C-alpha atoms as a PDB file:
ATOM      1  CA  MET A   1       0.000   0.000   0.000  1.00  0.00           C
ATOM      2  CA  SER A   2       1.456   3.357  -1.005  1.00  0.00           C
ATOM      3  CA  TYR A   3       0.566   6.984  -0.368  1.00  0.00           C
ATOM      4  CA  ILE A   4       0.538   9.494  -3.205  1.00  0.00           C
ATOM      5  CA  SER A   5      -0.262  13.116  -2.306  1.00  0.00           C
ATOM      6  CA  GLY A   6      -1.832  12.058   0.979  1.00  0.00           C
ATOM      7  CA  ALA A   7      -4.188   9.463  -0.502  1.00  0.00           C
ATOM      8  CA  ARG A   8      -3.835   5.753   0.223  1.00  0.00           C
ATOM      9  CA  SER A   9      -3.789   3.573  -2.875  1.00  0.00           C
ATOM     10  CA  LEU A  10      -4.248  -0.175  -2.869  1.00  0.00           C
ATOM     11  CA  PRO A  11      -1.671  -2.236  -4.780  1.00  0.00           C
ATOM     12  CA  ASP A  12      -4.219  -4.121  -6.899  1.00  0.00           C
ATOM     13  CA  GLU A  13      -6.019  -0.996  -8.205  1.00  0.00           C
ATOM     14  CA  GLN A  14      -5.497   0.468 -11.640  1.00  0.00           C
ATOM     15  CA  VAL A  15      -3.568   3.751 -11.706  1.00  0.00           C
ATOM     16  CA  ARG A  16      -6.564   5.583 -13.155  1.00  0.00           C
ATOM     17  CA  ILE A  17      -8.834   4.473 -10.311  1.00  0.00           C
ATOM     18  CA  ALA A  18      -6.250   4.908  -7.563  1.00  0.00           C
ATOM     19  CA  SER A  19      -5.517   8.493  -8.602  1.00  0.00           C
ATOM     20  CA  THR A  20      -9.196   9.451  -8.338  1.00  0.00           C
ATOM     21  CA  LYS A  21      -8.985   8.705  -4.593  1.00  0.00           C
ATOM     22  CA  MET A  22      -6.993  11.920  -4.182  1.00  0.00           C
ATOM     23  CA  ASP A  23      -8.988  15.023  -3.297  1.00  0.00           C
ATOM     24  CA  GLY A  24      -9.101  17.329  -6.309  1.00  0.00           C
ATOM     25  CA  ILE A  25      -8.494  14.658  -8.978  1.00  0.00           C
ATOM     26  CA  GLY A  26     -11.479  13.251 -10.796  1.00  0.00           C
ATOM     27  CA  PRO A  27     -11.775  10.685 -13.586  1.00  0.00           C
ATOM     28  CA  LYS A  28     -10.958  13.124 -16.367  1.00  0.00           C
ATOM     29  CA  LYS A  29      -7.815  14.492 -14.695  1.00  0.00           C
ATOM     30  CA  ALA A  30      -6.724  10.947 -13.828  1.00  0.00           C
ATOM     31  CA  ILE A  31      -6.901   9.900 -17.490  1.00  0.00           C
ATOM     32  CA  GLN A  32      -5.017  13.048 -18.584  1.00  0.00           C
ATOM     33  CA  LEU A  33      -2.337  12.385 -15.976  1.00  0.00           C
ATOM     34  CA  ARG A  34      -1.908   8.806 -17.160  1.00  0.00           C
ATOM     35  CA  TYR A  35      -1.552   9.865 -20.825  1.00  0.00           C
ATOM     36  CA  ARG A  36       0.951  12.607 -20.029  1.00  0.00           C
ATOM     37  CA  LEU A  37       3.144  10.134 -18.166  1.00  0.00           C
ATOM     38  CA  GLY A  38       2.808   7.445 -20.841  1.00  0.00           C
ATOM     39  CA  ILE A  39       1.374   4.825 -18.492  1.00  0.00           C
ATOM     40  CA  SER A  40      -0.780   2.143 -20.108  1.00  0.00           C
ATOM     41  CA  GLY A  41      -4.448   1.813 -19.199  1.00  0.00           C
ATOM     42  CA  ASN A  42      -4.389  -1.570 -17.484  1.00  0.00           C
ATOM     43  CA  ILE A  43      -1.315  -1.163 -15.295  1.00  0.00           C
ATOM     44  CA  LYS A  44      -1.856  -1.615 -11.574  1.00  0.00           C
ATOM     45  CA  MET A  45      -0.275   0.342  -8.728  1.00  0.00           C
ATOM     46  CA  ASN A  46       2.003  -2.500  -7.628  1.00  0.00           C
ATOM     47  CA  GLU A  47       3.465  -2.726 -11.169  1.00  0.00           C
ATOM     48  CA  LEU A  48       4.681   0.893 -11.118  1.00  0.00           C
ATOM     49  CA  THR A  49       8.339   1.598 -10.540  1.00  0.00           C
ATOM     50  CA  LYS A  50       9.554   4.021  -7.866  1.00  0.00           C
ATOM     51  CA  TYR A  51      10.516   6.451 -10.637  1.00  0.00           C
ATOM     52  CA  GLN A  52       6.980   6.406 -12.094  1.00  0.00           C
ATOM     53  CA  ILE A  53       5.439   7.027  -8.666  1.00  0.00           C
ATOM     54  CA  ASP A  54       7.801   9.976  -8.154  1.00  0.00           C
ATOM     55  CA  GLN A  55       6.801  11.325 -11.585  1.00  0.00           C
ATOM     56  CA  ILE A  56       3.115  11.079 -10.673  1.00  0.00           C
ATOM     57  CA  GLU A  57       3.709  12.964  -7.411  1.00  0.00           C
ATOM     58  CA  GLN A  58       5.722  15.683  -9.168  1.00  0.00           C
ATOM     59  CA  MET A  59       3.136  16.193 -11.898  1.00  0.00           C
ATOM     60  CA  ILE A  60       0.300  16.377  -9.383  1.00  0.00           C
ATOM     61  CA  ALA A  61       2.232  18.881  -7.268  1.00  0.00           C
ATOM     62  CA  GLN A  62       2.950  21.062 -10.329  1.00  0.00           C
ATOM     63  CA  ASP A  63      -0.405  21.124 -12.067  1.00  0.00           C
ATOM     64  CA  HIS A  64      -3.163  20.374  -9.564  1.00  0.00           C
ATOM     65  CA  VAL A  65      -4.380  21.717  -6.240  1.00  0.00           C
ATOM     66  CA  VAL A  66      -4.907  18.645  -4.099  1.00  0.00           C
ATOM     67  CA  HIS A  67      -5.485  17.457  -0.549  1.00  0.00           C
ATOM     68  CA  TRP A  68      -4.433  19.986   2.122  1.00  0.00           C
ATOM     69  CA  GLU A  69      -4.070  22.886  -0.293  1.00  0.00           C
ATOM     70  CA  LEU A  70      -7.612  22.291  -1.533  1.00  0.00           C
ATOM     71  CA  LYS A  71      -9.037  22.031   1.990  1.00  0.00           C
ATOM     72  CA  ARG A  72      -7.118  25.124   3.108  1.00  0.00           C
ATOM     73  CA  GLY A  73      -8.500  27.078   0.152  1.00  0.00           C
ATOM     74  CA  GLU A  74     -12.070  25.995   0.899  1.00  0.00           C
ATOM     75  CA  ARG A  75     -11.685  26.978   4.559  1.00  0.00           C
ATOM     76  CA  ALA A  76     -10.243  30.380   3.573  1.00  0.00           C
ATOM     77  CA  ASP A  77     -13.227  30.996   1.273  1.00  0.00           C
ATOM     78  CA  ILE A  78     -15.656  30.214   4.088  1.00  0.00           C
ATOM     79  CA  GLU A  79     -13.738  32.459   6.511  1.00  0.00           C
ATOM     80  CA  ARG A  80     -13.879  35.288   3.964  1.00  0.00           C
ATOM     81  CA  LEU A  81     -17.658  34.891   3.618  1.00  0.00           C
ATOM     82  CA  ILE A  82     -18.028  34.990   7.405  1.00  0.00           C
ATOM     83  CA  SER A  83     -15.777  38.036   7.796  1.00  0.00           C
ATOM     84  CA  ILE A  84     -17.728  40.143   5.286  1.00  0.00           C
ATOM     85  CA  SER A  85     -21.042  38.984   6.819  1.00  0.00           C
ATOM     86  CA  ARG A  86     -22.461  37.494   3.647  1.00  0.00           C
ATOM     87  CA  TYR A  87     -25.658  35.464   3.973  1.00  0.00           C
ATOM     88  CA  ARG A  88     -23.800  32.254   3.115  1.00  0.00           C
ATOM     89  CA  GLY A  89     -21.146  33.081   5.714  1.00  0.00           C
ATOM     90  CA  ILE A  90     -23.739  33.579   8.429  1.00  0.00           C
ATOM     91  CA  ARG A  91     -25.421  30.290   7.487  1.00  0.00           C
ATOM     92  CA  HIS A  92     -22.013  28.537   7.651  1.00  0.00           C
ATOM     93  CA  GLN A  93     -21.427  30.036  11.065  1.00  0.00           C
ATOM     94  CA  ASP A  94     -24.822  28.896  12.340  1.00  0.00           C
ATOM     95  CA  GLY A  95     -24.490  25.444  10.779  1.00  0.00           C
ATOM     96  CA  SER A  96     -27.702  25.932   8.804  1.00  0.00           C
ATOM     97  CA  PRO A  97     -28.356  24.866   5.198  1.00  0.00           C
ATOM     98  CA  LEU A  98     -26.932  27.344   2.681  1.00  0.00           C
ATOM     99  CA  HIS A  99     -28.780  26.937  -0.586  1.00  0.00           C
ATOM    100  CA  GLY A 100     -32.371  27.758   0.286  1.00  0.00           C
ATOM    101  CA  GLN A 101     -33.403  24.350   1.589  1.00  0.00           C
ATOM    102  CA  ARG A 102     -36.441  24.018   3.814  1.00  0.00           C
ATOM    103  CA  THR A 103     -35.573  24.080   7.526  1.00  0.00           C
ATOM    104  CA  HIS A 104     -38.995  23.848   9.147  1.00  0.00           C
ATOM    105  CA  THR A 105     -39.186  20.058   8.878  1.00  0.00           C
ATOM    106  CA  ASN A 106     -35.804  19.102   7.418  1.00  0.00           C
ATOM    107  CA  ALA A 107     -32.162  19.844   8.317  1.00  0.00           C
ATOM    108  CA  ARG A 108     -32.612  18.094  11.661  1.00  0.00           C
ATOM    109  CA  THR A 109     -28.882  17.546  12.170  1.00  0.00           C
ATOM    110  CA  ALA A 110     -28.182  21.233  11.694  1.00  0.00           C
ATOM    111  CA  ARG A 111     -31.014  22.234  14.032  1.00  0.00           C
ATOM    112  CA  LYS A 112     -29.809  19.820  16.759  1.00  0.00           C
ATOM    113  CA  GLN A 113     -26.402  21.504  16.703  1.00  0.00           C
ATOM    114  CA  ILE A 114     -28.018  24.930  17.074  1.00  0.00           C
ATOM    115  CA  ARG A 115     -30.134  23.892  20.097  1.00  0.00           C
ATOM    116  CA  LYS A 116     -27.183  22.612  22.130  1.00  0.00           C
END
């Protein structure tokens, strides 16, 4: 079992599928990454050499925002919304639904957190 950019990949998974386990990389980016590195479609993670794994990590670090950087960016966006007192920021702060969902009978989890 190996870790690439903070995501655990199983040895018997295809590279395309294993790379989608990383936050910020979907199926389309995984296929593009595989083509750019010249890795065949059916190769599994345990068949990769150390050099190929290093290449994958370098290319992901260069071109894509993944894992902690992505989470840090999302958190900064939410903090910005809260600091300028936008409606969405206030809803984030309260733990209420953001996108106009009904709260009278739904959003029970959010309402339980508010009551406590």
